[in-house]
């Protein structure tokens, strides 16, 4: 197995035991690399004391920027690669979502009632953001989904982004994002839009 990781840091008191077992598998040659997912810096340090960590898999997107506080720098300083998940926020940053589509989701789809970014008034604010992002993407004949993934990949420490797909054509549509280097102007424009979103959320 190339990579084996602990997906959630719960229960917290057991993470050393879990990481010790993964370290044993690496030492036995059964696993090449070990990683963590959804761990904070303090938890990563506890695991590092047992065995080096190859990768961290955290959520990261325009709407989920928590790793910018300390995780990105820490991973860079400790040679830990970042495999970002949900760069398109479960489809929200694809340009395909509308109020009608959200209302038509199956009753057991978590986005209907539990997805933070899918609840009002935030959902409408997010749709406005997507519309503005789509205008940027169209200048380059790209999709807003590609823009969202390219934005995540702009971080040098992010080695890859997990873009989920239900159909093969969705993969071919998003894959070109890996070759799109956003300009300084693009990034500044996106940052301004994200700040506007934050201000609207504060006032909502």
N, C-alpha and C. Protein backbone atom coordinates (compact mmCIF):
# COMPACT_ATOMS: atom_id res chain seq x y z
N UNK A 1 0.84 -1.18 0.00
CA UNK A 1 0.00 0.00 0.00
C UNK A 1 0.89 1.25 0.00
N UNK A 2 0.59 2.17 -0.90
CA UNK A 2 1.41 3.38 -0.99
C UNK A 2 1.22 4.31 0.19
N UNK A 3 -0.03 4.55 0.56
CA UNK A 3 -0.30 5.50 1.64
C UNK A 3 -1.44 5.01 2.53
N UNK A 4 -1.24 5.16 3.82
CA UNK A 4 -2.25 4.75 4.79
C UNK A 4 -2.36 5.88 5.80
N UNK A 5 -3.59 6.30 6.08
CA UNK A 5 -3.72 7.44 6.98
C UNK A 5 -4.86 7.28 7.98
N UNK A 6 -4.73 8.00 9.08
CA UNK A 6 -5.80 8.10 10.06
C UNK A 6 -6.70 9.23 9.60
N UNK A 7 -7.96 8.94 9.37
CA UNK A 7 -8.83 9.93 8.75
C UNK A 7 -9.38 10.96 9.73
N UNK A 8 -9.66 10.58 10.96
CA UNK A 8 -10.18 11.53 11.94
C UNK A 8 -9.41 11.39 13.25
N UNK A 9 -9.20 12.49 13.90
CA UNK A 9 -8.46 12.50 15.16
C UNK A 9 -9.40 12.26 16.34
N UNK A 10 -10.18 11.20 16.25
CA UNK A 10 -11.14 10.89 17.30
C UNK A 10 -11.21 9.38 17.51
N UNK A 11 -11.17 8.97 18.78
CA UNK A 11 -11.03 9.83 19.96
C UNK A 11 -9.60 10.36 20.11
N UNK A 12 -9.51 11.58 20.56
CA UNK A 12 -8.21 12.25 20.65
C UNK A 12 -7.21 11.46 21.48
N UNK A 13 -7.67 10.86 22.56
CA UNK A 13 -6.74 10.17 23.46
C UNK A 13 -6.13 8.91 22.84
N UNK A 14 -6.65 8.47 21.69
CA UNK A 14 -6.16 7.24 21.08
C UNK A 14 -5.27 7.47 19.86
N UNK A 15 -4.99 8.73 19.52
CA UNK A 15 -4.25 8.96 18.27
C UNK A 15 -2.82 8.42 18.33
N UNK A 16 -2.18 8.47 19.50
CA UNK A 16 -0.84 7.90 19.61
C UNK A 16 -0.84 6.40 19.34
N UNK A 17 -1.85 5.72 19.88
CA UNK A 17 -1.95 4.27 19.66
C UNK A 17 -2.16 3.97 18.18
N UNK A 18 -3.04 4.72 17.56
CA UNK A 18 -3.31 4.51 16.14
C UNK A 18 -2.10 4.77 15.27
N UNK A 19 -1.39 5.87 15.56
CA UNK A 19 -0.22 6.22 14.75
C UNK A 19 0.93 5.25 14.97
N UNK A 20 1.03 4.72 16.16
CA UNK A 20 2.05 3.71 16.45
C UNK A 20 1.84 2.48 15.57
N UNK A 21 0.60 2.08 15.38
CA UNK A 21 0.30 0.92 14.54
C UNK A 21 0.65 1.18 13.08
N UNK A 22 0.37 2.39 12.61
CA UNK A 22 0.72 2.72 11.23
C UNK A 22 2.24 2.74 11.07
N UNK A 23 2.95 3.28 12.08
CA UNK A 23 4.41 3.30 12.04
C UNK A 23 4.97 1.88 11.94
N UNK A 24 4.36 0.94 12.64
CA UNK A 24 4.81 -0.45 12.59
C UNK A 24 4.63 -1.01 11.18
N UNK A 25 3.51 -0.69 10.54
CA UNK A 25 3.27 -1.17 9.18
C UNK A 25 4.30 -0.61 8.21
N UNK A 26 4.69 0.65 8.41
CA UNK A 26 5.71 1.27 7.57
C UNK A 26 7.05 0.56 7.78
N UNK A 27 7.41 0.34 9.03
CA UNK A 27 8.69 -0.32 9.35
C UNK A 27 8.73 -1.75 8.83
N UNK A 28 7.57 -2.39 8.76
CA UNK A 28 7.50 -3.76 8.25
C UNK A 28 7.46 -3.81 6.73
N UNK A 29 7.39 -2.64 6.09
CA UNK A 29 7.37 -2.59 4.63
C UNK A 29 6.02 -2.84 4.02
N UNK A 30 4.98 -2.89 4.82
CA UNK A 30 3.63 -3.14 4.30
C UNK A 30 2.96 -1.86 3.78
N UNK A 31 3.45 -0.73 4.27
CA UNK A 31 2.94 0.58 3.86
C UNK A 31 4.14 1.48 3.56
N UNK A 32 4.06 2.24 2.47
CA UNK A 32 5.19 3.10 2.11
C UNK A 32 5.19 4.40 2.91
N UNK A 33 4.01 5.03 3.01
CA UNK A 33 3.93 6.32 3.70
C UNK A 33 2.70 6.36 4.61
N UNK A 34 2.82 7.13 5.68
CA UNK A 34 1.70 7.31 6.59
C UNK A 34 1.27 8.76 6.63
N UNK A 35 -0.03 8.97 6.76
CA UNK A 35 -0.54 10.35 6.79
C UNK A 35 -1.68 10.51 7.79
N UNK A 36 -2.06 11.75 7.96
CA UNK A 36 -3.13 12.12 8.88
C UNK A 36 -4.16 12.95 8.13
N UNK A 37 -5.39 12.91 8.62
CA UNK A 37 -6.44 13.73 8.02
C UNK A 37 -7.26 14.38 9.13
N UNK A 38 -7.53 15.67 8.97
CA UNK A 38 -8.34 16.41 9.94
C UNK A 38 -7.66 16.49 11.32
N UNK A 39 -6.35 16.61 11.34
CA UNK A 39 -5.58 16.78 12.57
C UNK A 39 -5.12 18.23 12.67
N UNK A 40 -5.04 18.76 13.91
CA UNK A 40 -4.49 20.11 14.09
C UNK A 40 -3.00 20.00 14.43
N UNK A 41 -2.35 21.15 14.55
CA UNK A 41 -0.90 21.16 14.75
C UNK A 41 -0.49 20.42 16.01
N UNK A 42 -1.21 20.64 17.10
CA UNK A 42 -0.84 19.99 18.36
C UNK A 42 -0.93 18.47 18.24
N UNK A 43 -1.92 17.97 17.53
CA UNK A 43 -2.08 16.53 17.35
C UNK A 43 -1.00 15.98 16.42
N UNK A 44 -0.64 16.75 15.40
CA UNK A 44 0.42 16.34 14.49
C UNK A 44 1.73 16.19 15.26
N UNK A 45 2.01 17.13 16.13
CA UNK A 45 3.25 17.07 16.91
C UNK A 45 3.30 15.81 17.76
N UNK A 46 2.18 15.44 18.32
CA UNK A 46 2.14 14.23 19.15
C UNK A 46 2.48 12.99 18.32
N UNK A 47 2.00 12.97 17.09
CA UNK A 47 2.29 11.83 16.22
C UNK A 47 3.74 11.87 15.73
N UNK A 48 4.24 13.07 15.46
CA UNK A 48 5.61 13.20 15.00
C UNK A 48 6.61 12.64 16.00
N UNK A 49 6.28 12.72 17.25
CA UNK A 49 7.17 12.21 18.29
C UNK A 49 7.33 10.69 18.17
N UNK A 50 6.42 10.05 17.44
CA UNK A 50 6.45 8.60 17.28
C UNK A 50 7.08 8.20 15.95
N UNK A 51 6.67 8.89 14.87
CA UNK A 51 7.17 8.56 13.53
C UNK A 51 6.89 9.73 12.60
N UNK A 52 7.77 9.98 11.62
CA UNK A 52 7.54 11.09 10.67
C UNK A 52 6.22 10.94 9.92
N UNK A 53 5.63 12.07 9.58
CA UNK A 53 4.36 12.12 8.86
C UNK A 53 4.62 12.56 7.43
N UNK A 54 4.11 11.82 6.47
CA UNK A 54 4.36 12.14 5.07
C UNK A 54 3.35 13.15 4.53
N UNK A 55 2.10 13.05 4.99
CA UNK A 55 1.07 13.91 4.40
C UNK A 55 -0.04 14.24 5.40
N UNK A 56 -0.69 15.33 5.10
CA UNK A 56 -1.86 15.76 5.87
C UNK A 56 -2.99 16.01 4.88
N UNK A 57 -4.17 15.49 5.20
CA UNK A 57 -5.34 15.69 4.34
C UNK A 57 -6.38 16.52 5.09
N UNK A 58 -6.38 17.83 4.86
CA UNK A 58 -7.37 18.71 5.50
C UNK A 58 -8.37 19.25 4.49
N UNK A 59 -9.50 19.77 4.95
CA UNK A 59 -10.39 20.47 4.02
C UNK A 59 -9.75 21.82 3.67
N UNK A 60 -9.82 22.20 2.42
CA UNK A 60 -9.27 23.51 2.03
C UNK A 60 -9.96 23.98 0.76
N UNK A 61 -10.50 25.18 0.83
CA UNK A 61 -11.18 25.78 -0.31
C UNK A 61 -11.30 27.28 -0.06
N UNK A 62 -11.87 27.97 -1.00
CA UNK A 62 -12.11 29.40 -0.83
C UNK A 62 -13.01 29.68 0.37
N UNK A 63 -13.85 28.71 0.72
CA UNK A 63 -14.79 28.90 1.82
C UNK A 63 -14.30 28.27 3.12
N UNK A 64 -13.26 27.46 3.05
CA UNK A 64 -12.71 26.79 4.22
C UNK A 64 -11.20 27.04 4.24
N UNK A 65 -10.79 28.12 4.91
CA UNK A 65 -9.39 28.54 4.84
C UNK A 65 -8.65 28.37 6.18
N UNK A 66 -9.19 27.53 7.03
CA UNK A 66 -8.62 27.37 8.36
C UNK A 66 -7.15 26.95 8.37
N UNK A 67 -6.72 26.17 7.36
CA UNK A 67 -5.33 25.70 7.39
C UNK A 67 -4.33 26.82 7.14
N UNK A 68 -4.81 27.97 6.65
CA UNK A 68 -3.90 29.08 6.41
C UNK A 68 -3.41 29.71 7.71
N UNK A 69 -4.10 29.44 8.81
CA UNK A 69 -3.72 30.03 10.09
C UNK A 69 -2.38 29.52 10.58
N UNK A 70 -2.19 28.19 10.55
CA UNK A 70 -0.92 27.64 11.03
C UNK A 70 -0.50 26.34 10.36
N UNK A 71 -1.45 25.59 9.83
CA UNK A 71 -1.13 24.27 9.29
C UNK A 71 -0.23 24.32 8.06
N UNK A 72 -0.49 25.25 7.14
CA UNK A 72 0.33 25.31 5.93
C UNK A 72 1.78 25.58 6.27
N UNK A 73 2.02 26.56 7.12
CA UNK A 73 3.40 26.89 7.50
C UNK A 73 4.06 25.73 8.24
N UNK A 74 3.31 25.11 9.14
CA UNK A 74 3.88 24.01 9.91
C UNK A 74 4.25 22.85 8.99
N UNK A 75 3.38 22.53 8.05
CA UNK A 75 3.66 21.43 7.13
C UNK A 75 4.87 21.76 6.25
N UNK A 76 5.00 23.00 5.83
CA UNK A 76 6.14 23.41 5.01
C UNK A 76 7.44 23.27 5.79
N UNK A 77 7.40 23.63 7.06
CA UNK A 77 8.60 23.56 7.90
C UNK A 77 8.99 22.13 8.25
N UNK A 78 8.04 21.20 8.13
CA UNK A 78 8.29 19.82 8.54
C UNK A 78 8.18 18.81 7.40
N UNK A 79 8.25 19.31 6.17
CA UNK A 79 8.24 18.44 4.98
C UNK A 79 7.04 17.51 4.95
N UNK A 80 5.87 18.05 5.29
CA UNK A 80 4.62 17.29 5.26
C UNK A 80 3.81 17.80 4.07
N UNK A 81 3.52 16.93 3.13
CA UNK A 81 2.73 17.33 1.98
C UNK A 81 1.26 17.48 2.35
N UNK A 82 0.57 18.40 1.69
CA UNK A 82 -0.85 18.62 1.96
C UNK A 82 -1.68 18.13 0.78
N UNK A 83 -2.60 17.22 1.08
CA UNK A 83 -3.55 16.71 0.10
C UNK A 83 -4.91 17.31 0.47
N UNK A 84 -5.27 18.41 -0.17
CA UNK A 84 -6.48 19.14 0.21
C UNK A 84 -7.73 18.41 -0.30
N UNK A 85 -8.74 18.33 0.57
CA UNK A 85 -10.00 17.73 0.11
C UNK A 85 -11.11 18.77 0.10
N UNK A 86 -12.13 18.49 -0.70
CA UNK A 86 -13.29 19.35 -0.89
C UNK A 86 -12.93 20.75 -1.39
N UNK A 87 -12.09 20.86 -2.42
CA UNK A 87 -11.74 22.19 -2.95
C UNK A 87 -12.93 22.90 -3.60
N UNK A 88 -13.94 22.12 -4.01
CA UNK A 88 -15.12 22.73 -4.63
C UNK A 88 -16.32 22.72 -3.67
N UNK A 89 -16.05 22.45 -2.40
CA UNK A 89 -17.07 22.51 -1.34
C UNK A 89 -18.31 21.70 -1.71
N UNK A 90 -18.09 20.41 -1.92
CA UNK A 90 -19.19 19.48 -2.21
C UNK A 90 -20.09 19.95 -3.35
N UNK A 91 -19.45 20.52 -4.37
CA UNK A 91 -20.19 20.94 -5.56
C UNK A 91 -20.62 22.40 -5.57
N UNK A 92 -20.54 23.07 -4.44
CA UNK A 92 -21.02 24.46 -4.37
C UNK A 92 -20.22 25.37 -5.29
N UNK A 93 -18.91 25.14 -5.40
CA UNK A 93 -18.07 26.00 -6.23
C UNK A 93 -17.85 25.43 -7.62
N UNK A 94 -18.88 24.82 -8.17
CA UNK A 94 -18.80 24.31 -9.54
C UNK A 94 -19.59 25.17 -10.52
N UNK A 95 -20.43 26.03 -9.99
CA UNK A 95 -21.30 26.83 -10.86
C UNK A 95 -22.57 26.10 -11.25
N UNK A 96 -22.75 24.91 -10.70
CA UNK A 96 -23.93 24.09 -11.07
C UNK A 96 -25.06 24.19 -10.04
N UNK A 97 -24.79 24.81 -8.90
CA UNK A 97 -25.80 24.85 -7.85
C UNK A 97 -26.72 26.06 -7.99
N UNK A 98 -28.00 25.83 -7.70
CA UNK A 98 -29.01 26.89 -7.67
C UNK A 98 -29.92 26.60 -6.48
N UNK A 99 -30.80 27.54 -6.17
CA UNK A 99 -31.78 27.29 -5.12
C UNK A 99 -32.65 26.08 -5.46
N UNK A 100 -33.00 25.97 -6.75
CA UNK A 100 -33.86 24.88 -7.19
C UNK A 100 -33.16 23.53 -7.05
N UNK A 101 -31.88 23.50 -7.40
CA UNK A 101 -31.15 22.24 -7.29
C UNK A 101 -31.03 21.82 -5.83
N UNK A 102 -30.75 22.77 -4.94
CA UNK A 102 -30.65 22.44 -3.52
C UNK A 102 -31.97 21.87 -3.02
N UNK A 103 -33.08 22.49 -3.41
CA UNK A 103 -34.40 22.05 -2.96
C UNK A 103 -34.75 20.67 -3.51
N UNK A 104 -34.15 20.30 -4.63
CA UNK A 104 -34.49 19.01 -5.26
C UNK A 104 -33.59 17.87 -4.80
N UNK A 105 -32.62 18.15 -3.94
CA UNK A 105 -31.75 17.09 -3.45
C UNK A 105 -32.55 16.08 -2.64
N UNK A 106 -32.15 14.82 -2.63
CA UNK A 106 -32.85 13.81 -1.83
C UNK A 106 -32.88 14.20 -0.36
N UNK A 107 -33.88 13.75 0.33
CA UNK A 107 -34.04 14.10 1.75
C UNK A 107 -32.86 13.68 2.61
N UNK A 108 -32.16 12.63 2.20
CA UNK A 108 -31.04 12.16 3.00
C UNK A 108 -29.70 12.80 2.59
N UNK A 109 -29.74 13.76 1.68
CA UNK A 109 -28.52 14.48 1.30
C UNK A 109 -28.20 15.50 2.38
N UNK A 110 -27.04 15.35 3.02
CA UNK A 110 -26.68 16.18 4.17
C UNK A 110 -26.65 17.67 3.86
N UNK A 111 -26.46 18.03 2.59
CA UNK A 111 -26.38 19.45 2.24
C UNK A 111 -27.69 20.19 2.43
N UNK A 112 -28.80 19.47 2.39
CA UNK A 112 -30.11 20.12 2.54
C UNK A 112 -30.29 20.78 3.90
N UNK A 113 -29.89 20.08 4.96
CA UNK A 113 -30.18 20.56 6.31
C UNK A 113 -28.96 20.77 7.20
N UNK A 114 -27.84 20.15 6.85
CA UNK A 114 -26.68 20.19 7.74
C UNK A 114 -25.44 20.85 7.14
N UNK A 115 -25.42 21.03 5.85
CA UNK A 115 -24.24 21.64 5.23
C UNK A 115 -24.18 23.13 5.53
N UNK A 116 -23.19 23.54 6.29
CA UNK A 116 -23.11 24.93 6.73
C UNK A 116 -23.20 25.94 5.58
N UNK A 117 -22.45 25.68 4.52
CA UNK A 117 -22.41 26.64 3.42
C UNK A 117 -23.65 26.59 2.53
N UNK A 118 -24.54 25.64 2.80
CA UNK A 118 -25.75 25.48 2.00
C UNK A 118 -27.00 26.01 2.70
N UNK A 119 -26.83 26.63 3.87
CA UNK A 119 -27.97 27.16 4.62
C UNK A 119 -28.07 28.67 4.43
N UNK A 120 -29.29 29.15 4.45
CA UNK A 120 -29.50 30.60 4.32
C UNK A 120 -29.20 31.31 5.64
N UNK A 121 -28.73 32.56 5.57
CA UNK A 121 -28.56 33.37 4.36
C UNK A 121 -27.26 33.13 3.61
N UNK A 122 -26.40 32.26 4.16
CA UNK A 122 -25.09 32.06 3.53
C UNK A 122 -25.18 31.49 2.12
N UNK A 123 -26.14 30.60 1.89
CA UNK A 123 -26.22 29.96 0.58
C UNK A 123 -26.38 30.98 -0.53
N UNK A 124 -27.27 31.93 -0.36
CA UNK A 124 -27.48 32.96 -1.39
C UNK A 124 -26.24 33.81 -1.59
N UNK A 125 -25.55 34.12 -0.49
CA UNK A 125 -24.31 34.90 -0.58
C UNK A 125 -23.25 34.10 -1.34
N UNK A 126 -23.20 32.81 -1.09
CA UNK A 126 -22.24 31.96 -1.79
C UNK A 126 -22.55 31.86 -3.27
N UNK A 127 -23.81 31.81 -3.63
CA UNK A 127 -24.18 31.76 -5.04
C UNK A 127 -23.77 33.03 -5.76
N UNK A 128 -23.88 34.17 -5.08
CA UNK A 128 -23.43 35.43 -5.67
C UNK A 128 -21.92 35.40 -5.89
N UNK A 129 -21.19 34.83 -4.93
CA UNK A 129 -19.74 34.69 -5.08
C UNK A 129 -19.42 33.83 -6.29
N UNK A 130 -20.11 32.72 -6.43
CA UNK A 130 -19.86 31.81 -7.54
C UNK A 130 -20.11 32.51 -8.87
N UNK A 131 -21.12 33.32 -8.93
CA UNK A 131 -21.41 34.06 -10.16
C UNK A 131 -20.25 34.99 -10.52
N UNK A 132 -19.69 35.66 -9.52
CA UNK A 132 -18.55 36.55 -9.77
C UNK A 132 -17.31 35.75 -10.16
N UNK A 133 -17.10 34.61 -9.53
CA UNK A 133 -15.96 33.76 -9.87
C UNK A 133 -16.10 33.21 -11.28
N UNK A 134 -17.33 32.89 -11.66
CA UNK A 134 -17.59 32.37 -13.00
C UNK A 134 -17.19 33.39 -14.07
N UNK A 135 -17.40 34.66 -13.77
CA UNK A 135 -17.03 35.72 -14.72
C UNK A 135 -15.52 35.73 -14.94
N UNK A 136 -14.76 35.49 -13.88
CA UNK A 136 -13.30 35.42 -14.00
C UNK A 136 -12.90 34.21 -14.83
N UNK A 137 -13.49 33.07 -14.51
CA UNK A 137 -13.15 31.83 -15.22
C UNK A 137 -13.45 31.92 -16.71
N UNK A 138 -14.54 32.56 -17.07
CA UNK A 138 -14.96 32.63 -18.47
C UNK A 138 -13.98 33.42 -19.33
N UNK A 139 -13.23 34.33 -18.71
CA UNK A 139 -12.23 35.08 -19.47
C UNK A 139 -11.18 34.15 -20.07
N UNK A 140 -11.00 33.01 -19.44
CA UNK A 140 -9.98 32.05 -19.88
C UNK A 140 -10.60 30.78 -20.45
N UNK A 141 -11.90 30.85 -20.74
CA UNK A 141 -12.63 29.68 -21.23
C UNK A 141 -12.50 28.49 -20.28
N UNK A 142 -12.57 28.80 -19.00
CA UNK A 142 -12.48 27.79 -17.95
C UNK A 142 -13.79 27.76 -17.17
N UNK A 143 -13.95 26.72 -16.36
CA UNK A 143 -15.12 26.62 -15.49
C UNK A 143 -14.78 27.17 -14.12
N UNK A 144 -15.81 27.51 -13.37
CA UNK A 144 -15.57 27.99 -12.01
C UNK A 144 -15.01 26.87 -11.14
N UNK A 145 -15.35 25.64 -11.46
CA UNK A 145 -14.77 24.50 -10.74
C UNK A 145 -13.27 24.44 -10.93
N UNK A 146 -12.81 24.63 -12.16
CA UNK A 146 -11.37 24.67 -12.42
C UNK A 146 -10.71 25.80 -11.65
N UNK A 147 -11.37 26.94 -11.61
CA UNK A 147 -10.83 28.09 -10.89
C UNK A 147 -10.69 27.77 -9.40
N UNK A 148 -11.70 27.12 -8.84
CA UNK A 148 -11.67 26.77 -7.42
C UNK A 148 -10.51 25.82 -7.10
N UNK A 149 -10.28 24.84 -7.96
CA UNK A 149 -9.20 23.88 -7.73
C UNK A 149 -7.85 24.54 -7.96
N UNK A 150 -7.73 25.34 -9.02
CA UNK A 150 -6.47 26.04 -9.29
C UNK A 150 -6.11 26.96 -8.14
N UNK A 151 -7.11 27.59 -7.53
CA UNK A 151 -6.86 28.48 -6.38
C UNK A 151 -6.27 27.70 -5.22
N UNK A 152 -6.79 26.51 -4.95
CA UNK A 152 -6.26 25.67 -3.88
C UNK A 152 -4.82 25.25 -4.19
N UNK A 153 -4.57 24.89 -5.44
CA UNK A 153 -3.25 24.40 -5.85
C UNK A 153 -2.21 25.52 -5.92
N UNK A 154 -2.63 26.77 -5.79
CA UNK A 154 -1.67 27.88 -5.84
C UNK A 154 -0.69 27.83 -4.68
N UNK A 155 -1.09 27.18 -3.58
CA UNK A 155 -0.24 27.07 -2.41
C UNK A 155 0.87 26.05 -2.69
N UNK A 156 2.14 26.45 -2.59
CA UNK A 156 3.24 25.52 -2.88
C UNK A 156 3.21 24.25 -2.04
N UNK A 157 2.72 24.35 -0.81
CA UNK A 157 2.72 23.20 0.07
C UNK A 157 1.60 22.21 -0.25
N UNK A 158 0.61 22.65 -1.03
CA UNK A 158 -0.48 21.75 -1.43
C UNK A 158 0.01 20.92 -2.61
N UNK A 159 0.24 19.64 -2.36
CA UNK A 159 0.77 18.76 -3.40
C UNK A 159 -0.31 18.23 -4.34
N UNK A 160 -1.56 18.17 -3.85
CA UNK A 160 -2.67 17.73 -4.69
C UNK A 160 -3.99 18.13 -4.06
N UNK A 161 -5.04 18.08 -4.86
CA UNK A 161 -6.39 18.40 -4.38
C UNK A 161 -7.32 17.28 -4.81
N UNK A 162 -8.12 16.82 -3.86
CA UNK A 162 -9.07 15.74 -4.15
C UNK A 162 -10.36 16.35 -4.69
N UNK A 163 -10.60 16.16 -5.96
CA UNK A 163 -11.81 16.68 -6.59
C UNK A 163 -12.73 15.51 -6.90
N UNK A 164 -13.74 15.31 -6.09
CA UNK A 164 -14.64 14.18 -6.28
C UNK A 164 -15.41 14.27 -7.59
N UNK A 165 -15.72 13.13 -8.16
CA UNK A 165 -16.47 13.09 -9.42
C UNK A 165 -17.42 11.90 -9.41
N UNK A 166 -18.58 12.09 -10.00
CA UNK A 166 -19.56 11.02 -10.13
C UNK A 166 -19.52 10.39 -11.52
N UNK A 167 -18.97 11.13 -12.50
CA UNK A 167 -18.91 10.63 -13.87
C UNK A 167 -17.53 10.89 -14.45
N UNK A 168 -17.10 10.07 -15.42
CA UNK A 168 -15.78 10.26 -16.04
C UNK A 168 -15.61 11.64 -16.66
N UNK A 169 -16.67 12.20 -17.25
CA UNK A 169 -16.54 13.50 -17.91
C UNK A 169 -16.28 14.62 -16.90
N UNK A 170 -16.68 14.43 -15.64
CA UNK A 170 -16.39 15.43 -14.62
C UNK A 170 -14.90 15.47 -14.32
N UNK A 171 -14.24 14.33 -14.43
CA UNK A 171 -12.80 14.28 -14.22
C UNK A 171 -12.08 15.04 -15.32
N UNK A 172 -12.47 14.80 -16.56
CA UNK A 172 -11.81 15.47 -17.69
C UNK A 172 -12.07 16.97 -17.67
N UNK A 173 -13.19 17.38 -17.08
CA UNK A 173 -13.50 18.81 -17.01
C UNK A 173 -12.65 19.53 -15.96
N UNK A 174 -12.34 18.85 -14.86
CA UNK A 174 -11.62 19.50 -13.76
C UNK A 174 -10.11 19.30 -13.85
N UNK A 175 -9.64 18.20 -14.42
CA UNK A 175 -8.21 17.90 -14.46
C UNK A 175 -7.34 19.03 -15.00
N UNK A 176 -7.77 19.80 -16.03
CA UNK A 176 -6.92 20.88 -16.53
C UNK A 176 -6.58 21.96 -15.50
N UNK A 177 -7.31 21.98 -14.40
CA UNK A 177 -7.01 22.95 -13.35
C UNK A 177 -5.59 22.80 -12.84
N UNK A 178 -5.05 21.57 -12.94
CA UNK A 178 -3.70 21.32 -12.46
C UNK A 178 -2.64 22.06 -13.25
N UNK A 179 -2.98 22.49 -14.46
CA UNK A 179 -2.03 23.21 -15.31
C UNK A 179 -2.30 24.71 -15.36
N UNK A 180 -3.23 25.17 -14.55
CA UNK A 180 -3.61 26.58 -14.59
C UNK A 180 -2.95 27.32 -13.43
N UNK A 181 -2.02 28.20 -13.76
CA UNK A 181 -1.36 29.03 -12.76
C UNK A 181 -2.03 30.40 -12.75
N UNK A 182 -2.69 30.71 -11.67
CA UNK A 182 -3.42 31.97 -11.57
C UNK A 182 -2.44 33.13 -11.43
N UNK A 183 -2.75 34.23 -12.08
CA UNK A 183 -1.88 35.41 -12.03
C UNK A 183 -2.07 36.16 -10.72
N UNK A 184 -1.14 37.04 -10.43
CA UNK A 184 -1.25 37.88 -9.24
C UNK A 184 -2.53 38.70 -9.28
N UNK A 185 -2.89 39.17 -10.47
CA UNK A 185 -4.12 39.95 -10.63
C UNK A 185 -5.34 39.07 -10.34
N UNK A 186 -5.34 37.85 -10.85
CA UNK A 186 -6.44 36.92 -10.59
C UNK A 186 -6.61 36.70 -9.10
N UNK A 187 -5.52 36.43 -8.42
CA UNK A 187 -5.56 36.14 -7.00
C UNK A 187 -6.05 37.34 -6.19
N UNK A 188 -5.63 38.53 -6.59
CA UNK A 188 -6.06 39.74 -5.89
C UNK A 188 -7.56 39.96 -6.08
N UNK A 189 -8.04 39.71 -7.28
CA UNK A 189 -9.46 39.88 -7.57
C UNK A 189 -10.30 38.87 -6.77
N UNK A 190 -9.82 37.64 -6.71
CA UNK A 190 -10.52 36.60 -5.94
C UNK A 190 -10.53 36.96 -4.47
N UNK A 191 -9.39 37.42 -3.96
CA UNK A 191 -9.30 37.78 -2.54
C UNK A 191 -10.29 38.90 -2.21
N UNK A 192 -10.44 39.86 -3.11
CA UNK A 192 -11.39 40.96 -2.89
C UNK A 192 -12.82 40.42 -2.83
N UNK A 193 -13.14 39.47 -3.69
CA UNK A 193 -14.48 38.87 -3.69
C UNK A 193 -14.73 38.09 -2.40
N UNK A 194 -13.71 37.40 -1.92
CA UNK A 194 -13.86 36.63 -0.68
C UNK A 194 -14.03 37.55 0.52
N UNK A 195 -13.37 38.69 0.50
CA UNK A 195 -13.54 39.66 1.59
C UNK A 195 -14.95 40.26 1.56
N UNK A 196 -15.46 40.51 0.36
CA UNK A 196 -16.83 41.02 0.24
C UNK A 196 -17.82 40.00 0.80
N UNK A 197 -17.56 38.74 0.51
CA UNK A 197 -18.42 37.68 1.04
C UNK A 197 -18.41 37.69 2.56
N UNK A 198 -17.23 37.79 3.15
CA UNK A 198 -17.12 37.80 4.60
C UNK A 198 -17.87 38.98 5.22
N UNK A 199 -17.79 40.12 4.59
CA UNK A 199 -18.49 41.30 5.08
C UNK A 199 -20.00 41.10 5.02
N UNK A 200 -20.46 40.52 3.94
CA UNK A 200 -21.90 40.26 3.81
C UNK A 200 -22.38 39.27 4.86
N UNK A 201 -21.55 38.26 5.14
CA UNK A 201 -21.92 37.27 6.16
C UNK A 201 -22.02 37.92 7.55
N UNK A 202 -21.13 38.86 7.83
CA UNK A 202 -21.15 39.55 9.11
C UNK A 202 -22.42 40.38 9.27
N UNK A 203 -22.90 40.92 8.15
CA UNK A 203 -24.06 41.79 8.18
C UNK A 203 -25.38 41.02 8.08
N UNK A 204 -25.29 39.76 7.67
CA UNK A 204 -26.51 38.97 7.46
C UNK A 204 -27.18 38.60 8.78
